[in-house]
Amino acid sequence: MLTWESRPLKTGNDQKYVPGYTNADVTGGAFDRYLTQYAEALVTNGQPVVIRLDHEMNGSWYNWADGTVQQNAPGSFVAMWQHVHDVFDRAGANDYVIWNWSPTRIDALGNPKYQTLDYLKAYYPGDDYVDWVGMSGYYRKAAEAPTFDTTFAKTIEQLRQIAPEKRILLSEIGATETGATVTDGQKARWITSLFDALADPANADVIGFAYFSETATTIVDGARTTNDWRLNSRADSMAAFAAGIARNDIDYDLQEVKK
């Protein structure tokens, strides 16, 4: 799975506007040559790849979100996504690409209007342009219950309403070791809850996850925060993950990957 961002590699994570990299720049063809070369290379390679294009678009921290600060008009994200998809289609690359549309956890967004179904739906490019839906979801606050439902349920509910026929990939997830002051096993309990939920037949449409096993420092609204998301940040967290990944009652069904 490739997380592909429409911005220069060294862009700061607090830079919401990047000149020359607006959604309109992409839609207008400024990067078509690059996109075509990339698509043709994927065809030559002949191997499947999941492309998670411009994730967390429903947040306000990336330059591809629709917003005044980003200089992106309403609806420009959808137009940009569709344009990139169409360039790949003309090159024959979509026979190999699984397009993963991956917003961020809705209930972690401060403004209530950003948590509504209509708000998230306005970012959806359409069933013809998306193969899997997904989300980013992190456990970072000790005051929250360390459970799957607390972290994922509200967002998954909206994903199922927006794209009921699509499979769901938990595209970027993690539990912190420092930001949530996890000192009594909350992280291990969160990991156990994750695997319990994946084994639940009610979540059969959730086909897998990508865990962000890193220590990362980010800037959000001017505040610098470091979180330890690593699976092995504590022995009990690592043990919970090892036990979960070894379970034989979870079906990560990827046989029909484009369905």
C-alpha atoms as a PDB file:
ATOM      1  CA  MET A   1       0.000   0.000   0.000  1.00  0.00           C
ATOM      2  CA  LEU A   2       1.315   3.384  -1.060  1.00  0.00           C
ATOM      3  CA  THR A   3       0.223   6.522   0.773  1.00  0.00           C
ATOM      4  CA  TRP A   4       0.597   9.084  -1.999  1.00  0.00           C
ATOM      5  CA  GLU A   5       0.556  12.802  -1.139  1.00  0.00           C
ATOM      6  CA  SER A   6       0.225  15.631  -3.642  1.00  0.00           C
ATOM      7  CA  ARG A   7       2.933  17.818  -2.092  1.00  0.00           C
ATOM      8  CA  PRO A   8       6.747  17.960  -2.066  1.00  0.00           C
ATOM      9  CA  LEU A   9       8.408  15.363   0.144  1.00  0.00           C
ATOM     10  CA  LYS A  10       9.925  17.868   2.598  1.00  0.00           C
ATOM     11  CA  THR A  11       6.745  19.889   3.157  1.00  0.00           C
ATOM     12  CA  GLY A  12       6.227  20.644   6.851  1.00  0.00           C
ATOM     13  CA  ASN A  13       3.277  18.916   8.467  1.00  0.00           C
ATOM     14  CA  ASP A  14       1.896  22.307   9.500  1.00  0.00           C
ATOM     15  CA  GLN A  15       1.938  23.735   5.952  1.00  0.00           C
ATOM     16  CA  LYS A  16      -1.652  23.830   4.735  1.00  0.00           C
ATOM     17  CA  TYR A  17      -1.022  25.705   1.499  1.00  0.00           C
ATOM     18  CA  VAL A  18       1.715  24.693  -0.931  1.00  0.00           C
ATOM     19  CA  PRO A  19       2.006  26.919  -4.035  1.00  0.00           C
ATOM     20  CA  GLY A  20       1.746  24.920  -7.228  1.00  0.00           C
ATOM     21  CA  TYR A  21       0.182  21.908  -5.489  1.00  0.00           C
ATOM     22  CA  THR A  22      -3.458  22.875  -5.121  1.00  0.00           C
ATOM     23  CA  ASN A  23      -6.205  20.526  -6.222  1.00  0.00           C
ATOM     24  CA  ALA A  24      -6.811  22.802  -9.209  1.00  0.00           C
ATOM     25  CA  ASP A  25      -3.150  22.483 -10.223  1.00  0.00           C
ATOM     26  CA  VAL A  26      -3.503  18.699 -10.355  1.00  0.00           C
ATOM     27  CA  THR A  27      -6.870  18.767 -12.113  1.00  0.00           C
ATOM     28  CA  GLY A  28      -5.560  21.329 -14.576  1.00  0.00           C
ATOM     29  CA  GLY A  29      -2.920  18.909 -15.833  1.00  0.00           C
ATOM     30  CA  ALA A  30       0.230  20.300 -14.214  1.00  0.00           C
ATOM     31  CA  PHE A  31       1.292  16.799 -13.162  1.00  0.00           C
ATOM     32  CA  ASP A  32      -0.167  14.733 -15.999  1.00  0.00           C
ATOM     33  CA  ARG A  33       3.213  13.823 -17.445  1.00  0.00           C
ATOM     34  CA  TYR A  34       4.436  12.577 -14.084  1.00  0.00           C
ATOM     35  CA  LEU A  35       1.185  10.732 -13.390  1.00  0.00           C
ATOM     36  CA  THR A  36       1.268   9.069 -16.800  1.00  0.00           C
ATOM     37  CA  GLN A  37       4.869   7.947 -16.341  1.00  0.00           C
ATOM     38  CA  TYR A  38       4.031   6.523 -12.935  1.00  0.00           C
ATOM     39  CA  ALA A  39       0.960   4.722 -14.251  1.00  0.00           C
ATOM     40  CA  GLU A  40       2.917   3.250 -17.154  1.00  0.00           C
ATOM     41  CA  ALA A  41       5.596   2.052 -14.736  1.00  0.00           C
ATOM     42  CA  LEU A  42       2.940   0.229 -12.700  1.00  0.00           C
ATOM     43  CA  VAL A  43       1.715  -1.489 -15.860  1.00  0.00           C
ATOM     44  CA  THR A  44       5.267  -2.539 -16.699  1.00  0.00           C
ATOM     45  CA  ASN A  45       5.785  -3.829 -13.177  1.00  0.00           C
ATOM     46  CA  GLY A  46       2.587  -5.862 -13.430  1.00  0.00           C
ATOM     47  CA  GLN A  47       2.005  -6.211  -9.692  1.00  0.00           C
ATOM     48  CA  PRO A  48      -1.035  -5.036  -7.700  1.00  0.00           C
ATOM     49  CA  VAL A  49      -0.716  -1.974  -5.488  1.00  0.00           C
ATOM     50  CA  VAL A  50      -3.103  -0.180  -3.169  1.00  0.00           C
ATOM     51  CA  ILE A  51      -2.910   3.593  -3.637  1.00  0.00           C
ATOM     52  CA  ARG A  52      -4.124   5.629  -0.680  1.00  0.00           C
ATOM     53  CA  LEU A  53      -4.285   8.977  -2.407  1.00  0.00           C
ATOM     54  CA  ASP A  54      -4.298  12.175  -0.332  1.00  0.00           C
ATOM     55  CA  HIS A  55      -5.616  10.662   2.885  1.00  0.00           C
ATOM     56  CA  GLU A  56      -7.381  12.427   5.777  1.00  0.00           C
ATOM     57  CA  MET A  57      -8.933  14.891   3.355  1.00  0.00           C
ATOM     58  CA  ASN A  58     -11.768  15.622   5.784  1.00  0.00           C
ATOM     59  CA  GLY A  59      -9.297  17.139   8.241  1.00  0.00           C
ATOM     60  CA  SER A  60      -7.864  20.628   7.894  1.00  0.00           C
ATOM     61  CA  TRP A  61      -4.145  19.905   8.172  1.00  0.00           C
ATOM     62  CA  TYR A  62      -3.217  18.844   4.614  1.00  0.00           C
ATOM     63  CA  ASN A  63      -2.976  21.006   1.515  1.00  0.00           C
ATOM     64  CA  TRP A  64      -5.469  18.892  -0.462  1.00  0.00           C
ATOM     65  CA  ALA A  65      -8.423  19.529   1.864  1.00  0.00           C
ATOM     66  CA  ASP A  66     -11.161  21.743   0.458  1.00  0.00           C
ATOM     67  CA  GLY A  67     -10.701  25.047   2.264  1.00  0.00           C
ATOM     68  CA  THR A  68      -9.863  28.712   2.044  1.00  0.00           C
ATOM     69  CA  VAL A  69      -6.465  28.362   3.703  1.00  0.00           C
ATOM     70  CA  GLN A  70      -5.526  25.582   1.278  1.00  0.00           C
ATOM     71  CA  GLN A  71      -6.886  27.667  -1.632  1.00  0.00           C
ATOM     72  CA  ASN A  72      -9.017  24.712  -2.685  1.00  0.00           C
ATOM     73  CA  ALA A  73     -12.612  25.334  -3.736  1.00  0.00           C
ATOM     74  CA  PRO A  74     -15.452  23.119  -2.476  1.00  0.00           C
ATOM     75  CA  GLY A  75     -15.564  19.948  -4.545  1.00  0.00           C
ATOM     76  CA  SER A  76     -11.993  20.338  -5.765  1.00  0.00           C
ATOM     77  CA  PHE A  77     -10.740  17.265  -3.905  1.00  0.00           C
ATOM     78  CA  VAL A  78     -13.228  15.017  -5.686  1.00  0.00           C
ATOM     79  CA  ALA A  79     -12.330  16.542  -9.058  1.00  0.00           C
ATOM     80  CA  MET A  80      -8.617  16.055  -8.336  1.00  0.00           C
ATOM     81  CA  TRP A  81      -9.082  12.406  -7.329  1.00  0.00           C
ATOM     82  CA  GLN A  82     -11.162  11.657 -10.400  1.00  0.00           C
ATOM     83  CA  HIS A  83      -8.572  13.314 -12.637  1.00  0.00           C
ATOM     84  CA  VAL A  84      -5.708  11.203 -11.246  1.00  0.00           C
ATOM     85  CA  HIS A  85      -7.826   8.063 -11.563  1.00  0.00           C
ATOM     86  CA  ASP A  86      -8.680   8.926 -15.180  1.00  0.00           C
ATOM     87  CA  VAL A  87      -5.023   9.457 -16.100  1.00  0.00           C
ATOM     88  CA  PHE A  88      -4.261   6.001 -14.710  1.00  0.00           C
ATOM     89  CA  ASP A  89      -7.216   4.544 -16.563  1.00  0.00           C
ATOM     90  CA  ARG A  90      -5.986   5.867 -19.899  1.00  0.00           C
ATOM     91  CA  ALA A  91      -2.614   4.218 -19.236  1.00  0.00           C
ATOM     92  CA  GLY A  92      -4.236   0.878 -18.361  1.00  0.00           C
ATOM     93  CA  ALA A  93      -2.920   1.059 -14.801  1.00  0.00           C
ATOM     94  CA  ASN A  94      -6.246   0.602 -13.070  1.00  0.00           C
ATOM     95  CA  ASP A  95      -6.042  -3.113 -13.851  1.00  0.00           C
ATOM     96  CA  TYR A  96      -3.342  -3.178 -11.155  1.00  0.00           C
ATOM     97  CA  VAL A  97      -4.386  -0.387  -8.774  1.00  0.00           C
ATOM     98  CA  ILE A  98      -6.747  -0.666  -5.819  1.00  0.00           C
ATOM     99  CA  TRP A  99      -7.847   2.892  -5.001  1.00  0.00           C
ATOM    100  CA  ASN A 100      -8.242   3.392  -1.241  1.00  0.00           C
ATOM    101  CA  TRP A 101     -10.231   6.454  -0.119  1.00  0.00           C
ATOM    102  CA  SER A 102      -9.217   7.050   3.483  1.00  0.00           C
ATOM    103  CA  PRO A 103     -10.628   9.910   5.585  1.00  0.00           C
ATOM    104  CA  THR A 104      -9.621  10.514   9.173  1.00  0.00           C
ATOM    105  CA  ARG A 105     -11.598   9.595  12.276  1.00  0.00           C
ATOM    106  CA  ILE A 106     -14.634  11.871  12.244  1.00  0.00           C
ATOM    107  CA  ASP A 107     -15.292  12.135  15.985  1.00  0.00           C
ATOM    108  CA  ALA A 108     -11.760  13.423  16.572  1.00  0.00           C
ATOM    109  CA  LEU A 109     -12.509  16.511  14.463  1.00  0.00           C
ATOM    110  CA  GLY A 110     -13.254  19.508  16.649  1.00  0.00           C
ATOM    111  CA  ASN A 111     -16.004  21.215  14.664  1.00  0.00           C
ATOM    112  CA  PRO A 112     -19.327  19.317  14.868  1.00  0.00           C
ATOM    113  CA  LYS A 113     -20.153  20.135  11.243  1.00  0.00           C
ATOM    114  CA  TYR A 114     -17.066  18.179  10.153  1.00  0.00           C
ATOM    115  CA  GLN A 115     -18.493  15.107  11.871  1.00  0.00           C
ATOM    116  CA  THR A 116     -21.682  14.957   9.810  1.00  0.00           C
ATOM    117  CA  LEU A 117     -22.458  12.409   7.131  1.00  0.00           C
ATOM    118  CA  ASP A 118     -23.063  15.109   4.523  1.00  0.00           C
ATOM    119  CA  TYR A 119     -19.649  16.646   5.169  1.00  0.00           C
ATOM    120  CA  LEU A 120     -17.800  13.367   4.669  1.00  0.00           C
ATOM    121  CA  LYS A 121     -19.944  12.344   1.717  1.00  0.00           C
ATOM    122  CA  ALA A 122     -18.991  15.541  -0.117  1.00  0.00           C
ATOM    123  CA  TYR A 123     -15.410  14.221  -0.262  1.00  0.00           C
ATOM    124  CA  TYR A 124     -16.338  10.838  -1.754  1.00  0.00           C
ATOM    125  CA  PRO A 125     -15.244  10.560  -5.425  1.00  0.00           C
ATOM    126  CA  GLY A 126     -17.902   7.947  -6.243  1.00  0.00           C
ATOM    127  CA  ASP A 127     -18.087   4.175  -6.472  1.00  0.00           C
ATOM    128  CA  ASP A 128     -16.565   4.121  -9.955  1.00  0.00           C
ATOM    129  CA  TYR A 129     -13.434   5.847  -8.636  1.00  0.00           C
ATOM    130  CA  VAL A 130     -12.924   3.978  -5.358  1.00  0.00           C
ATOM    131  CA  ASP A 131     -12.200   0.292  -4.766  1.00  0.00           C
ATOM    132  CA  TRP A 132     -11.797   0.183  -0.984  1.00  0.00           C
ATOM    133  CA  VAL A 133     -12.815   2.756   1.608  1.00  0.00           C
ATOM    134  CA  GLY A 134     -10.770   3.211   4.735  1.00  0.00           C
ATOM    135  CA  MET A 135      -9.818   5.505   7.565  1.00  0.00           C
ATOM    136  CA  SER A 136      -7.124   6.731   9.899  1.00  0.00           C
ATOM    137  CA  GLY A 137      -7.910   6.055  13.546  1.00  0.00           C
ATOM    138  CA  TYR A 138      -5.729   6.538  16.613  1.00  0.00           C
ATOM    139  CA  TYR A 139      -6.131   5.981  20.327  1.00  0.00           C
ATOM    140  CA  ARG A 140      -4.333   8.901  21.941  1.00  0.00           C
ATOM    141  CA  LYS A 141      -6.342  10.066  24.978  1.00  0.00           C
ATOM    142  CA  ALA A 142      -6.245   8.222  28.282  1.00  0.00           C
ATOM    143  CA  ALA A 143      -9.729   9.548  29.101  1.00  0.00           C
ATOM    144  CA  GLU A 144     -11.180   7.493  26.234  1.00  0.00           C
ATOM    145  CA  ALA A 145     -12.087   3.847  26.637  1.00  0.00           C
ATOM    146  CA  PRO A 146      -9.353   1.780  24.914  1.00  0.00           C
ATOM    147  CA  THR A 147     -11.732  -0.045  22.583  1.00  0.00           C
ATOM    148  CA  PHE A 148     -12.285  -0.628  18.886  1.00  0.00           C
ATOM    149  CA  ASP A 149     -15.695   1.016  18.997  1.00  0.00           C
ATOM    150  CA  THR A 150     -14.400   4.179  20.653  1.00  0.00           C
ATOM    151  CA  THR A 151     -11.761   4.648  17.967  1.00  0.00           C
ATOM    152  CA  PHE A 152     -13.481   3.371  14.833  1.00  0.00           C
ATOM    153  CA  ALA A 153     -17.234   2.821  15.176  1.00  0.00           C
ATOM    154  CA  LYS A 154     -18.595   6.270  14.322  1.00  0.00           C
ATOM    155  CA  THR A 155     -16.440   6.620  11.227  1.00  0.00           C
ATOM    156  CA  ILE A 156     -17.096   3.073  10.028  1.00  0.00           C
ATOM    157  CA  GLU A 157     -20.831   3.721  10.375  1.00  0.00           C
ATOM    158  CA  GLN A 158     -20.552   6.642   7.949  1.00  0.00           C
ATOM    159  CA  LEU A 159     -18.321   4.691   5.557  1.00  0.00           C
ATOM    160  CA  ARG A 160     -20.969   1.986   5.371  1.00  0.00           C
ATOM    161  CA  GLN A 161     -23.642   4.560   4.599  1.00  0.00           C
ATOM    162  CA  ILE A 162     -21.580   6.298   1.922  1.00  0.00           C
ATOM    163  CA  ALA A 163     -20.272   3.160   0.203  1.00  0.00           C
ATOM    164  CA  PRO A 164     -22.251   0.142   1.429  1.00  0.00           C
ATOM    165  CA  GLU A 165     -20.820  -2.217  -1.192  1.00  0.00           C
ATOM    166  CA  LYS A 166     -17.161  -1.387  -0.542  1.00  0.00           C
ATOM    167  CA  ARG A 167     -14.744  -3.224   1.693  1.00  0.00           C
ATOM    168  CA  ILE A 168     -13.097  -1.317   4.525  1.00  0.00           C
ATOM    169  CA  LEU A 169      -9.375  -1.116   5.230  1.00  0.00           C
ATOM    170  CA  LEU A 170      -8.219   0.454   8.494  1.00  0.00           C
ATOM    171  CA  SER A 171      -5.554   2.229   6.496  1.00  0.00           C
ATOM    172  CA  GLU A 172      -3.586   3.897   9.303  1.00  0.00           C
ATOM    173  CA  ILE A 173      -4.085   3.044  12.950  1.00  0.00           C
ATOM    174  CA  GLY A 174      -2.213   3.096  16.210  1.00  0.00           C
ATOM    175  CA  ALA A 175      -2.285   3.529  19.973  1.00  0.00           C
ATOM    176  CA  THR A 176       0.051   5.884  21.765  1.00  0.00           C
ATOM    177  CA  GLU A 177       2.420   5.225  24.637  1.00  0.00           C
ATOM    178  CA  THR A 178       3.095   8.782  25.771  1.00  0.00           C
ATOM    179  CA  GLY A 179       0.433  11.221  24.584  1.00  0.00           C
ATOM    180  CA  ALA A 180      -2.310   9.269  26.343  1.00  0.00           C
ATOM    181  CA  THR A 181      -0.122   8.601  29.421  1.00  0.00           C
ATOM    182  CA  VAL A 182      -0.649   4.884  28.914  1.00  0.00           C
ATOM    183  CA  THR A 183       0.765   3.348  32.072  1.00  0.00           C
ATOM    184  CA  ASP A 184      -1.688   0.648  33.111  1.00  0.00           C
ATOM    185  CA  GLY A 185      -2.148  -1.442  29.998  1.00  0.00           C
ATOM    186  CA  GLN A 186      -4.680   0.654  28.056  1.00  0.00           C
ATOM    187  CA  LYS A 187      -2.673   0.179  24.868  1.00  0.00           C
ATOM    188  CA  ALA A 188      -2.591  -3.602  25.258  1.00  0.00           C
ATOM    189  CA  ARG A 189      -6.343  -3.636  25.921  1.00  0.00           C
ATOM    190  CA  TRP A 190      -6.934  -1.479  22.830  1.00  0.00           C
ATOM    191  CA  ILE A 191      -4.926  -3.933  20.701  1.00  0.00           C
ATOM    192  CA  THR A 192      -6.871  -6.888  22.092  1.00  0.00           C
ATOM    193  CA  SER A 193     -10.142  -5.074  21.383  1.00  0.00           C
ATOM    194  CA  LEU A 194      -9.008  -4.489  17.792  1.00  0.00           C
ATOM    195  CA  PHE A 195      -8.590  -8.203  17.132  1.00  0.00           C
ATOM    196  CA  ASP A 196     -11.800  -9.074  18.981  1.00  0.00           C
ATOM    197  CA  ALA A 197     -13.674  -6.690  16.658  1.00  0.00           C
ATOM    198  CA  LEU A 198     -12.016  -8.084  13.538  1.00  0.00           C
ATOM    199  CA  ALA A 199     -13.211 -11.559  14.555  1.00  0.00           C
ATOM    200  CA  ASP A 200     -16.804 -10.317  14.948  1.00  0.00           C
ATOM    201  CA  PRO A 201     -18.948 -11.341  11.919  1.00  0.00           C
ATOM    202  CA  ALA A 202     -20.576  -7.901  12.094  1.00  0.00           C
ATOM    203  CA  ASN A 203     -17.250  -6.511  10.862  1.00  0.00           C
ATOM    204  CA  ALA A 204     -16.738  -8.975   8.025  1.00  0.00           C
ATOM    205  CA  ASP A 205     -16.410  -6.038   5.602  1.00  0.00           C
ATOM    206  CA  VAL A 206     -13.290  -4.839   7.469  1.00  0.00           C
ATOM    207  CA  ILE A 207     -10.579  -6.690   5.563  1.00  0.00           C
ATOM    208  CA  GLY A 208      -7.440  -5.619   7.399  1.00  0.00           C
ATOM    209  CA  PHE A 209      -5.333  -2.812   8.817  1.00  0.00           C
ATOM    210  CA  ALA A 210      -2.012  -1.021   8.539  1.00  0.00           C
ATOM    211  CA  TYR A 211      -0.474  -0.228  11.923  1.00  0.00           C
ATOM    212  CA  PHE A 212       1.704   2.883  12.282  1.00  0.00           C
ATOM    213  CA  SER A 213       4.504   1.406  14.399  1.00  0.00           C
ATOM    214  CA  GLU A 214       6.598   4.541  14.807  1.00  0.00           C
ATOM    215  CA  THR A 215       7.420   7.296  17.268  1.00  0.00           C
ATOM    216  CA  ALA A 216       6.332  10.528  15.617  1.00  0.00           C
ATOM    217  CA  THR A 217       6.397  14.233  16.399  1.00  0.00           C
ATOM    218  CA  THR A 218       3.724  16.315  14.709  1.00  0.00           C
ATOM    219  CA  ILE A 219       2.473  19.883  14.867  1.00  0.00           C
ATOM    220  CA  VAL A 220      -1.283  20.309  15.211  1.00  0.00           C
ATOM    221  CA  ASP A 221      -2.682  23.834  15.465  1.00  0.00           C
ATOM    222  CA  GLY A 222       0.730  25.114  16.474  1.00  0.00           C
ATOM    223  CA  ALA A 223       1.302  22.574  19.265  1.00  0.00           C
ATOM    224  CA  ARG A 224       4.147  20.068  19.001  1.00  0.00           C
ATOM    225  CA  THR A 225       3.314  16.575  20.272  1.00  0.00           C
ATOM    226  CA  THR A 226       5.328  13.360  20.338  1.00  0.00           C
ATOM    227  CA  ASN A 227       3.566  10.001  20.495  1.00  0.00           C
ATOM    228  CA  ASP A 228       5.035   6.521  20.760  1.00  0.00           C
ATOM    229  CA  TRP A 229       2.847   4.364  18.524  1.00  0.00           C
ATOM    230  CA  ARG A 230       5.293   1.435  18.333  1.00  0.00           C
ATOM    231  CA  LEU A 231       3.899  -2.040  18.869  1.00  0.00           C
ATOM    232  CA  ASN A 232       6.864  -2.877  21.091  1.00  0.00           C
ATOM    233  CA  SER A 233       6.727   0.289  23.197  1.00  0.00           C
ATOM    234  CA  ARG A 234       5.807  -1.942  26.144  1.00  0.00           C
ATOM    235  CA  ALA A 235       6.068  -5.679  26.617  1.00  0.00           C
ATOM    236  CA  ASP A 236       2.338  -6.081  27.260  1.00  0.00           C
ATOM    237  CA  SER A 237       1.493  -4.184  24.050  1.00  0.00           C
ATOM    238  CA  MET A 238       3.774  -6.405  21.992  1.00  0.00           C
ATOM    239  CA  ALA A 239       2.375  -9.527  23.640  1.00  0.00           C
ATOM    240  CA  ALA A 240      -1.197  -8.431  22.893  1.00  0.00           C
ATOM    241  CA  PHE A 241      -0.354  -7.868  19.248  1.00  0.00           C
ATOM    242  CA  ALA A 242       1.485 -11.184  18.909  1.00  0.00           C
ATOM    243  CA  ALA A 243      -1.521 -12.986  20.391  1.00  0.00           C
ATOM    244  CA  GLY A 244      -3.936 -11.115  18.137  1.00  0.00           C
ATOM    245  CA  ILE A 245      -2.104 -11.612  14.864  1.00  0.00           C
ATOM    246  CA  ALA A 246      -1.835 -15.354  15.591  1.00  0.00           C
ATOM    247  CA  ARG A 247      -5.601 -15.805  16.003  1.00  0.00           C
ATOM    248  CA  ASN A 248      -7.229 -18.207  13.558  1.00  0.00           C
ATOM    249  CA  ASP A 249     -10.779 -16.845  13.884  1.00  0.00           C
ATOM    250  CA  ILE A 250     -10.165 -13.733  11.750  1.00  0.00           C
ATOM    251  CA  ASP A 251     -10.630 -13.924   7.983  1.00  0.00           C
ATOM    252  CA  TYR A 252      -8.572 -11.316   6.132  1.00  0.00           C
ATOM    253  CA  ASP A 253     -10.359 -12.046   2.848  1.00  0.00           C
ATOM    254  CA  LEU A 254      -8.536 -10.361  -0.031  1.00  0.00           C
ATOM    255  CA  GLN A 255      -9.478 -12.847  -2.767  1.00  0.00           C
ATOM    256  CA  GLU A 256     -11.613 -10.419  -4.743  1.00  0.00           C
ATOM    257  CA  VAL A 257      -9.542  -7.354  -4.098  1.00  0.00           C
ATOM    258  CA  LYS A 258     -11.411  -4.999  -6.428  1.00  0.00           C
ATOM    259  CA  LYS A 259     -14.863  -5.776  -4.997  1.00  0.00           C
END
